[in-house]
Amino acid sequence: MSKDYIQSVIGYYFDRLTKDLKELTQNQSTGRSFIMWEDVVKYANAIPRDSIIQVWMNKQNYVQQLNEKGYRTIYSSCWYLDHSKYGVQWSEYYLCDPSPYFYESAEKDKLLGGEACLWSEYVENDNLMTMLWPRASAVAERLWSAKTTRDINSAGRRLQEHKCRMMRRGFNVGYTSGPDYCLRPLKAKESYKDDADSLSEEIIIRSIKTIGGKATLKLGSNTTVLSIMNTVIIVAGLLLLYKIFRSWRRKWTFLSRMQRV
């Protein structure tokens, strides 16, 4: 079976599918449009001009080509969150500009925006949230911001703040730029005294770097550590008092014997 024959079968399927769906929606409310992956454009012949094409393989120049043909577009090529790699990745999402237009153009408004995608081939319930957040926040700010907004340092501070906000609300999110920490208020059951041992904040260290690998470290309330230290000090003080008492008793016994002689 030749490759051309397979492509023609795929094209027939897409053409038939869009034709049938179009007929089904004719008697329904207006304003409905198809959203298709760019694969459909490659194989189909009769794509409605009011369709929205989602670009996920090609670059921004392909967006402009589709816009010039009359199609509206959504861009996703640089925002596949399941394509994870070692190191800081959110900055790449933040700097990716979906628009190929650096000038005013009649087709500019046909680019509707972008979408971050997360497919499940290598994602499970255990790592879904850590892969999704806070990296998706970088995509969101990119799409909501002006084209000239590209300050990585400023964006990094906002991203870290949002990560800590999500952690305080109970979401098990991933890292932003490597080892970091978040401050959160003590829980109600973790009471403290108004003295030198009181603590108003609890520090959670998410991760630390080690030679040749990674490690995870989580520190709870320091109240437990301080309680242990106080116990040690009290025990040491009691032992010291016991030694002083024994020394004083021996001295008193010696003096009593001297008086008898």
C-alpha atoms as a PDB file:
ATOM      1  CA  MET A   1       0.000   0.000   0.000  1.00  0.00           C
ATOM      2  CA  SER A   2       1.593   3.266  -1.131  1.00  0.00           C
ATOM      3  CA  LYS A   3       1.973   6.331   1.024  1.00  0.00           C
ATOM      4  CA  ASP A   4      -0.083   8.460  -1.406  1.00  0.00           C
ATOM      5  CA  TYR A   5      -2.972   6.027  -1.167  1.00  0.00           C
ATOM      6  CA  ILE A   6      -2.971   6.235   2.644  1.00  0.00           C
ATOM      7  CA  GLN A   7      -2.930  10.034   2.519  1.00  0.00           C
ATOM      8  CA  SER A   8      -5.847  10.053   0.080  1.00  0.00           C
ATOM      9  CA  VAL A   9      -7.850   7.834   2.447  1.00  0.00           C
ATOM     10  CA  ILE A  10      -7.096  10.154   5.355  1.00  0.00           C
ATOM     11  CA  GLY A  11      -8.117  13.134   3.198  1.00  0.00           C
ATOM     12  CA  TYR A  12     -11.397  11.446   2.263  1.00  0.00           C
ATOM     13  CA  TYR A  13     -12.116  10.801   5.949  1.00  0.00           C
ATOM     14  CA  PHE A  14     -11.534  14.430   6.932  1.00  0.00           C
ATOM     15  CA  ASP A  15     -13.578  15.771   4.004  1.00  0.00           C
ATOM     16  CA  ARG A  16     -16.486  13.466   4.797  1.00  0.00           C
ATOM     17  CA  LEU A  17     -16.306  14.257   8.507  1.00  0.00           C
ATOM     18  CA  THR A  18     -16.352  18.043   8.071  1.00  0.00           C
ATOM     19  CA  LYS A  19     -19.192  17.775   5.495  1.00  0.00           C
ATOM     20  CA  ASP A  20     -21.349  15.673   7.831  1.00  0.00           C
ATOM     21  CA  LEU A  21     -20.655  17.913  10.839  1.00  0.00           C
ATOM     22  CA  LYS A  22     -21.472  20.992   8.788  1.00  0.00           C
ATOM     23  CA  GLU A  23     -24.835  19.528   7.802  1.00  0.00           C
ATOM     24  CA  LEU A  24     -25.604  18.618  11.415  1.00  0.00           C
ATOM     25  CA  THR A  25     -25.025  22.181  12.609  1.00  0.00           C
ATOM     26  CA  GLN A  26     -26.898  23.997   9.838  1.00  0.00           C
ATOM     27  CA  ASN A  27     -30.160  24.040  11.777  1.00  0.00           C
ATOM     28  CA  GLN A  28     -28.505  25.099  15.016  1.00  0.00           C
ATOM     29  CA  SER A  29     -27.539  28.543  16.242  1.00  0.00           C
ATOM     30  CA  THR A  30     -25.096  30.523  14.145  1.00  0.00           C
ATOM     31  CA  GLY A  31     -21.565  31.362  15.217  1.00  0.00           C
ATOM     32  CA  ARG A  32     -20.326  27.770  15.357  1.00  0.00           C
ATOM     33  CA  SER A  33     -16.958  27.006  13.783  1.00  0.00           C
ATOM     34  CA  PHE A  34     -14.688  23.981  13.514  1.00  0.00           C
ATOM     35  CA  ILE A  35     -11.407  23.903  15.422  1.00  0.00           C
ATOM     36  CA  MET A  36      -8.969  21.533  13.733  1.00  0.00           C
ATOM     37  CA  TRP A  37      -5.370  20.470  14.196  1.00  0.00           C
ATOM     38  CA  GLU A  38      -3.092  21.531  11.380  1.00  0.00           C
ATOM     39  CA  ASP A  39      -2.929  17.890  10.218  1.00  0.00           C
ATOM     40  CA  VAL A  40      -6.375  18.313   8.654  1.00  0.00           C
ATOM     41  CA  VAL A  41      -5.083  21.069   6.372  1.00  0.00           C
ATOM     42  CA  LYS A  42      -2.373  18.738   5.140  1.00  0.00           C
ATOM     43  CA  TYR A  43      -4.756  15.966   4.045  1.00  0.00           C
ATOM     44  CA  ALA A  44      -8.263  17.405   3.503  1.00  0.00           C
ATOM     45  CA  ASN A  45      -9.444  19.333   0.453  1.00  0.00           C
ATOM     46  CA  ALA A  46     -12.752  20.882   1.530  1.00  0.00           C
ATOM     47  CA  ILE A  47     -12.086  22.735   4.766  1.00  0.00           C
ATOM     48  CA  PRO A  48     -14.626  25.475   5.582  1.00  0.00           C
ATOM     49  CA  ARG A  49     -13.018  28.916   5.484  1.00  0.00           C
ATOM     50  CA  ASP A  50     -14.486  29.862   8.840  1.00  0.00           C
ATOM     51  CA  SER A  51     -12.540  27.037  10.519  1.00  0.00           C
ATOM     52  CA  ILE A  52      -9.958  27.649  13.232  1.00  0.00           C
ATOM     53  CA  ILE A  53      -6.666  25.819  12.712  1.00  0.00           C
ATOM     54  CA  GLN A  54      -4.514  24.946  15.714  1.00  0.00           C
ATOM     55  CA  VAL A  55      -0.820  24.945  14.811  1.00  0.00           C
ATOM     56  CA  TRP A  56       1.180  22.470  16.903  1.00  0.00           C
ATOM     57  CA  MET A  57       4.071  21.324  14.670  1.00  0.00           C
ATOM     58  CA  ASN A  58       5.118  24.286  12.537  1.00  0.00           C
ATOM     59  CA  LYS A  59       6.513  27.687  13.449  1.00  0.00           C
ATOM     60  CA  GLN A  60       4.989  31.134  13.432  1.00  0.00           C
ATOM     61  CA  ASN A  61       5.475  31.634   9.684  1.00  0.00           C
ATOM     62  CA  TYR A  62       2.955  28.837   9.066  1.00  0.00           C
ATOM     63  CA  VAL A  63       0.450  30.794  11.147  1.00  0.00           C
ATOM     64  CA  GLN A  64       0.793  33.685   8.731  1.00  0.00           C
ATOM     65  CA  GLN A  65       0.340  31.369   5.732  1.00  0.00           C
ATOM     66  CA  LEU A  66      -2.920  30.035   7.132  1.00  0.00           C
ATOM     67  CA  ASN A  67      -4.143  33.537   7.992  1.00  0.00           C
ATOM     68  CA  GLU A  68      -3.487  34.682   4.443  1.00  0.00           C
ATOM     69  CA  LYS A  69      -5.660  31.823   3.196  1.00  0.00           C
ATOM     70  CA  GLY A  70      -8.507  33.090   5.372  1.00  0.00           C
ATOM     71  CA  TYR A  71      -8.268  30.709   8.322  1.00  0.00           C
ATOM     72  CA  ARG A  72      -8.185  31.831  11.926  1.00  0.00           C
ATOM     73  CA  THR A  73      -5.451  30.228  14.004  1.00  0.00           C
ATOM     74  CA  ILE A  74      -4.379  29.168  17.501  1.00  0.00           C
ATOM     75  CA  TYR A  75      -0.688  28.586  18.221  1.00  0.00           C
ATOM     76  CA  SER A  76       0.674  25.793  20.456  1.00  0.00           C
ATOM     77  CA  SER A  77       3.976  24.595  18.987  1.00  0.00           C
ATOM     78  CA  CYS A  78       6.257  25.953  21.725  1.00  0.00           C
ATOM     79  CA  TRP A  79       3.950  25.219  24.665  1.00  0.00           C
ATOM     80  CA  TYR A  80       3.829  21.449  25.048  1.00  0.00           C
ATOM     81  CA  LEU A  81       4.214  21.016  28.792  1.00  0.00           C
ATOM     82  CA  ASP A  82       4.676  17.246  28.554  1.00  0.00           C
ATOM     83  CA  HIS A  83       7.903  17.800  26.575  1.00  0.00           C
ATOM     84  CA  SER A  84       9.850  18.186  29.780  1.00  0.00           C
ATOM     85  CA  LYS A  85      13.631  18.376  30.049  1.00  0.00           C
ATOM     86  CA  TYR A  86      16.218  19.000  32.752  1.00  0.00           C
ATOM     87  CA  GLY A  87      16.653  22.532  34.034  1.00  0.00           C
ATOM     88  CA  VAL A  88      14.639  25.736  33.875  1.00  0.00           C
ATOM     89  CA  GLN A  89      12.051  25.605  31.087  1.00  0.00           C
ATOM     90  CA  TRP A  90       9.439  28.197  31.942  1.00  0.00           C
ATOM     91  CA  SER A  91      11.603  31.001  30.538  1.00  0.00           C
ATOM     92  CA  GLU A  92      11.376  29.404  27.076  1.00  0.00           C
ATOM     93  CA  TYR A  93       7.590  29.396  27.329  1.00  0.00           C
ATOM     94  CA  TYR A  94       7.612  32.997  28.490  1.00  0.00           C
ATOM     95  CA  LEU A  95       9.771  34.258  25.617  1.00  0.00           C
ATOM     96  CA  CYS A  96       7.898  32.350  22.902  1.00  0.00           C
ATOM     97  CA  ASP A  97       5.874  34.820  20.841  1.00  0.00           C
ATOM     98  CA  PRO A  98       3.015  33.196  18.897  1.00  0.00           C
ATOM     99  CA  SER A  99       2.622  36.146  16.556  1.00  0.00           C
ATOM    100  CA  PRO A 100       4.645  36.407  13.327  1.00  0.00           C
ATOM    101  CA  TYR A 101       3.422  39.965  12.843  1.00  0.00           C
ATOM    102  CA  PHE A 102       5.898  42.725  13.649  1.00  0.00           C
ATOM    103  CA  TYR A 103       3.869  45.199  11.621  1.00  0.00           C
ATOM    104  CA  GLU A 104       0.230  46.070  11.034  1.00  0.00           C
ATOM    105  CA  SER A 105      -1.469  43.548   8.763  1.00  0.00           C
ATOM    106  CA  ALA A 106      -4.998  42.762   7.654  1.00  0.00           C
ATOM    107  CA  GLU A 107      -4.480  39.158   8.746  1.00  0.00           C
ATOM    108  CA  LYS A 108      -3.181  40.035  12.219  1.00  0.00           C
ATOM    109  CA  ASP A 109      -6.577  39.673  13.913  1.00  0.00           C
ATOM    110  CA  LYS A 110      -6.967  36.150  12.529  1.00  0.00           C
ATOM    111  CA  LEU A 111      -4.422  34.915  15.100  1.00  0.00           C
ATOM    112  CA  LEU A 112      -6.768  34.335  18.042  1.00  0.00           C
ATOM    113  CA  GLY A 113      -4.124  33.388  20.598  1.00  0.00           C
ATOM    114  CA  GLY A 114      -2.423  30.291  21.927  1.00  0.00           C
ATOM    115  CA  GLU A 115      -2.935  27.214  24.058  1.00  0.00           C
ATOM    116  CA  ALA A 116      -0.651  25.237  26.355  1.00  0.00           C
ATOM    117  CA  CYS A 117      -1.002  21.474  25.840  1.00  0.00           C
ATOM    118  CA  LEU A 118      -0.258  18.569  28.149  1.00  0.00           C
ATOM    119  CA  TRP A 119      -0.668  15.103  26.665  1.00  0.00           C
ATOM    120  CA  SER A 120      -0.747  12.007  28.830  1.00  0.00           C
ATOM    121  CA  GLU A 121       1.753   9.597  27.223  1.00  0.00           C
ATOM    122  CA  TYR A 122       4.263  10.278  30.001  1.00  0.00           C
ATOM    123  CA  VAL A 123       1.984  11.854  32.607  1.00  0.00           C
ATOM    124  CA  GLU A 124       0.195  10.172  35.511  1.00  0.00           C
ATOM    125  CA  ASN A 125      -1.804  11.385  38.486  1.00  0.00           C
ATOM    126  CA  ASP A 126       1.380  11.534  40.561  1.00  0.00           C
ATOM    127  CA  ASN A 127       3.159  14.068  38.330  1.00  0.00           C
ATOM    128  CA  LEU A 128       0.276  15.847  36.584  1.00  0.00           C
ATOM    129  CA  MET A 129       0.215  18.938  38.805  1.00  0.00           C
ATOM    130  CA  THR A 130       3.998  19.253  39.042  1.00  0.00           C
ATOM    131  CA  MET A 131       4.306  19.247  35.244  1.00  0.00           C
ATOM    132  CA  LEU A 132       1.371  21.584  34.706  1.00  0.00           C
ATOM    133  CA  TRP A 133       2.033  24.245  37.350  1.00  0.00           C
ATOM    134  CA  PRO A 134       3.589  26.723  37.666  1.00  0.00           C
ATOM    135  CA  ARG A 135       4.934  26.432  34.091  1.00  0.00           C
ATOM    136  CA  ALA A 136       1.487  27.001  32.575  1.00  0.00           C
ATOM    137  CA  SER A 137       1.447  30.355  34.401  1.00  0.00           C
ATOM    138  CA  ALA A 138       4.368  31.496  32.242  1.00  0.00           C
ATOM    139  CA  VAL A 139       2.324  30.702  29.114  1.00  0.00           C
ATOM    140  CA  ALA A 140      -0.671  32.554  30.538  1.00  0.00           C
ATOM    141  CA  GLU A 141       1.325  35.711  31.246  1.00  0.00           C
ATOM    142  CA  ARG A 142       2.895  35.574  27.797  1.00  0.00           C
ATOM    143  CA  LEU A 143      -0.526  35.464  26.128  1.00  0.00           C
ATOM    144  CA  TRP A 144      -1.987  38.177  28.366  1.00  0.00           C
ATOM    145  CA  SER A 145       0.980  40.542  28.072  1.00  0.00           C
ATOM    146  CA  ALA A 146       2.134  43.013  25.471  1.00  0.00           C
ATOM    147  CA  LYS A 147       4.667  41.916  22.877  1.00  0.00           C
ATOM    148  CA  THR A 148       7.315  44.134  24.478  1.00  0.00           C
ATOM    149  CA  THR A 149       6.940  42.562  27.946  1.00  0.00           C
ATOM    150  CA  ARG A 150       9.954  40.241  28.130  1.00  0.00           C
ATOM    151  CA  ASP A 151      11.659  40.849  31.489  1.00  0.00           C
ATOM    152  CA  ILE A 152      12.598  37.374  32.745  1.00  0.00           C
ATOM    153  CA  ASN A 153      13.736  38.538  36.202  1.00  0.00           C
ATOM    154  CA  SER A 154      10.493  40.368  36.889  1.00  0.00           C
ATOM    155  CA  ALA A 155       8.413  37.461  35.574  1.00  0.00           C
ATOM    156  CA  GLY A 156      10.412  35.014  37.699  1.00  0.00           C
ATOM    157  CA  ARG A 157       9.504  36.850  40.905  1.00  0.00           C
ATOM    158  CA  ARG A 158       5.811  36.816  40.000  1.00  0.00           C
ATOM    159  CA  LEU A 159       5.977  33.141  39.066  1.00  0.00           C
ATOM    160  CA  GLN A 160       7.644  32.229  42.367  1.00  0.00           C
ATOM    161  CA  GLU A 161       5.027  34.220  44.279  1.00  0.00           C
ATOM    162  CA  HIS A 162       2.222  32.430  42.436  1.00  0.00           C
ATOM    163  CA  LYS A 163       3.860  29.058  43.080  1.00  0.00           C
ATOM    164  CA  CYS A 164       3.904  29.734  46.830  1.00  0.00           C
ATOM    165  CA  ARG A 165       0.291  30.915  46.643  1.00  0.00           C
ATOM    166  CA  MET A 166      -0.730  27.614  45.037  1.00  0.00           C
ATOM    167  CA  MET A 167       1.237  25.633  47.634  1.00  0.00           C
ATOM    168  CA  ARG A 168      -0.562  27.447  50.451  1.00  0.00           C
ATOM    169  CA  ARG A 169      -3.850  26.431  48.827  1.00  0.00           C
ATOM    170  CA  GLY A 170      -2.844  22.770  48.841  1.00  0.00           C
ATOM    171  CA  PHE A 171      -1.602  22.215  45.276  1.00  0.00           C
ATOM    172  CA  ASN A 172       1.473  20.035  44.839  1.00  0.00           C
ATOM    173  CA  VAL A 173       3.131  22.167  42.164  1.00  0.00           C
ATOM    174  CA  GLY A 174       6.593  21.858  40.599  1.00  0.00           C
ATOM    175  CA  TYR A 175       9.677  24.044  40.772  1.00  0.00           C
ATOM    176  CA  THR A 176      10.326  27.341  39.018  1.00  0.00           C
ATOM    177  CA  SER A 177      14.073  27.953  38.872  1.00  0.00           C
ATOM    178  CA  GLY A 178      15.633  25.190  40.955  1.00  0.00           C
ATOM    179  CA  PRO A 179      16.004  25.029  44.763  1.00  0.00           C
ATOM    180  CA  ASP A 180      13.759  27.548  46.497  1.00  0.00           C
ATOM    181  CA  TYR A 181      11.469  27.961  49.490  1.00  0.00           C
ATOM    182  CA  CYS A 182       8.074  29.316  50.446  1.00  0.00           C
ATOM    183  CA  LEU A 183       6.987  31.015  53.683  1.00  0.00           C
ATOM    184  CA  ARG A 184       3.604  30.126  55.110  1.00  0.00           C
ATOM    185  CA  PRO A 185       1.767  30.952  58.368  1.00  0.00           C
ATOM    186  CA  LEU A 186       1.793  28.404  61.170  1.00  0.00           C
ATOM    187  CA  LYS A 187      -1.265  26.193  61.351  1.00  0.00           C
ATOM    188  CA  ALA A 188      -3.732  26.696  64.201  1.00  0.00           C
ATOM    189  CA  LYS A 189      -2.603  23.537  65.997  1.00  0.00           C
ATOM    190  CA  GLU A 190       1.031  24.698  65.924  1.00  0.00           C
ATOM    191  CA  SER A 191       0.729  27.192  68.774  1.00  0.00           C
ATOM    192  CA  TYR A 192       3.703  29.202  69.995  1.00  0.00           C
ATOM    193  CA  LYS A 193       4.611  31.441  72.932  1.00  0.00           C
ATOM    194  CA  ASP A 194       5.465  35.125  72.891  1.00  0.00           C
ATOM    195  CA  ASP A 195       9.089  34.694  73.957  1.00  0.00           C
ATOM    196  CA  ALA A 196      12.483  34.168  72.384  1.00  0.00           C
ATOM    197  CA  ASP A 197      11.407  30.743  71.105  1.00  0.00           C
ATOM    198  CA  SER A 198       8.304  31.964  69.284  1.00  0.00           C
ATOM    199  CA  LEU A 199       8.035  31.537  65.533  1.00  0.00           C
ATOM    200  CA  SER A 200       5.535  33.306  63.299  1.00  0.00           C
ATOM    201  CA  GLU A 201       6.652  31.647  60.071  1.00  0.00           C
ATOM    202  CA  GLU A 202       7.451  28.100  59.024  1.00  0.00           C
ATOM    203  CA  ILE A 203       9.987  27.556  56.263  1.00  0.00           C
ATOM    204  CA  ILE A 204       9.474  24.656  53.883  1.00  0.00           C
ATOM    205  CA  ILE A 205      12.560  23.851  51.849  1.00  0.00           C
ATOM    206  CA  ARG A 206      11.380  22.152  48.696  1.00  0.00           C
ATOM    207  CA  SER A 207      14.689  20.776  47.430  1.00  0.00           C
ATOM    208  CA  ILE A 208      18.441  21.003  47.829  1.00  0.00           C
ATOM    209  CA  LYS A 209      21.274  20.242  45.420  1.00  0.00           C
ATOM    210  CA  THR A 210      23.705  17.453  46.117  1.00  0.00           C
ATOM    211  CA  ILE A 211      26.829  16.295  44.317  1.00  0.00           C
ATOM    212  CA  GLY A 212      25.849  13.901  41.567  1.00  0.00           C
ATOM    213  CA  GLY A 213      22.089  14.074  42.049  1.00  0.00           C
ATOM    214  CA  LYS A 214      19.106  15.634  43.730  1.00  0.00           C
ATOM    215  CA  ALA A 215      17.590  15.372  47.162  1.00  0.00           C
ATOM    216  CA  THR A 216      14.302  16.456  48.679  1.00  0.00           C
ATOM    217  CA  LEU A 217      14.115  17.881  52.156  1.00  0.00           C
ATOM    218  CA  LYS A 218      11.038  19.044  54.021  1.00  0.00           C
ATOM    219  CA  LEU A 219      11.330  20.743  57.379  1.00  0.00           C
ATOM    220  CA  GLY A 220       8.281  21.086  59.565  1.00  0.00           C
ATOM    221  CA  SER A 221       7.742  23.490  62.444  1.00  0.00           C
ATOM    222  CA  ASN A 222      10.879  24.441  64.368  1.00  0.00           C
ATOM    223  CA  THR A 223       8.834  24.219  67.604  1.00  0.00           C
ATOM    224  CA  THR A 224       9.739  20.508  67.886  1.00  0.00           C
ATOM    225  CA  VAL A 225      13.456  21.256  67.562  1.00  0.00           C
ATOM    226  CA  LEU A 226      13.270  23.984  70.204  1.00  0.00           C
ATOM    227  CA  SER A 227      11.385  21.686  72.591  1.00  0.00           C
ATOM    228  CA  ILE A 228      14.134  19.065  72.345  1.00  0.00           C
ATOM    229  CA  MET A 229      16.801  21.706  72.997  1.00  0.00           C
ATOM    230  CA  ASN A 230      14.940  22.962  76.064  1.00  0.00           C
ATOM    231  CA  THR A 231      14.675  19.400  77.419  1.00  0.00           C
ATOM    232  CA  VAL A 232      18.419  18.863  76.977  1.00  0.00           C
ATOM    233  CA  ILE A 233      19.193  22.122  78.811  1.00  0.00           C
ATOM    234  CA  ILE A 234      16.905  21.172  81.723  1.00  0.00           C
ATOM    235  CA  VAL A 235      18.475  17.697  82.074  1.00  0.00           C
ATOM    236  CA  ALA A 236      21.992  19.188  81.987  1.00  0.00           C
ATOM    237  CA  GLY A 237      21.000  21.686  84.680  1.00  0.00           C
ATOM    238  CA  LEU A 238      19.645  18.930  86.929  1.00  0.00           C
ATOM    239  CA  LEU A 239      22.866  16.923  86.555  1.00  0.00           C
ATOM    240  CA  LEU A 240      24.900  20.003  87.496  1.00  0.00           C
ATOM    241  CA  LEU A 241      22.777  20.596  90.607  1.00  0.00           C
ATOM    242  CA  TYR A 242      23.186  16.933  91.571  1.00  0.00           C
ATOM    243  CA  LYS A 243      26.997  17.206  91.345  1.00  0.00           C
ATOM    244  CA  ILE A 244      26.998  20.403  93.421  1.00  0.00           C
ATOM    245  CA  PHE A 245      24.806  18.714  96.051  1.00  0.00           C
ATOM    246  CA  ARG A 246      27.147  15.691  96.291  1.00  0.00           C
ATOM    247  CA  SER A 247      30.203  17.946  96.574  1.00  0.00           C
ATOM    248  CA  TRP A 248      28.552  19.981  99.342  1.00  0.00           C
ATOM    249  CA  ARG A 249      27.492  16.819 101.215  1.00  0.00           C
ATOM    250  CA  ARG A 250      31.035  15.410 101.182  1.00  0.00           C
ATOM    251  CA  LYS A 251      32.409  18.703 102.524  1.00  0.00           C
ATOM    252  CA  TRP A 252      29.795  18.818 105.319  1.00  0.00           C
ATOM    253  CA  THR A 253      30.601  15.205 106.341  1.00  0.00           C
ATOM    254  CA  PHE A 254      34.347  15.989 106.510  1.00  0.00           C
ATOM    255  CA  LEU A 255      33.753  19.041 108.727  1.00  0.00           C
ATOM    256  CA  SER A 256      31.543  17.014 111.076  1.00  0.00           C
ATOM    257  CA  ARG A 257      34.266  14.421 111.530  1.00  0.00           C
ATOM    258  CA  MET A 258      36.862  17.127 112.267  1.00  0.00           C
ATOM    259  CA  GLN A 259      34.658  18.562 115.020  1.00  0.00           C
ATOM    260  CA  ARG A 260      34.258  15.145 116.659  1.00  0.00           C
ATOM    261  CA  VAL A 261      38.032  14.619 116.759  1.00  0.00           C
END
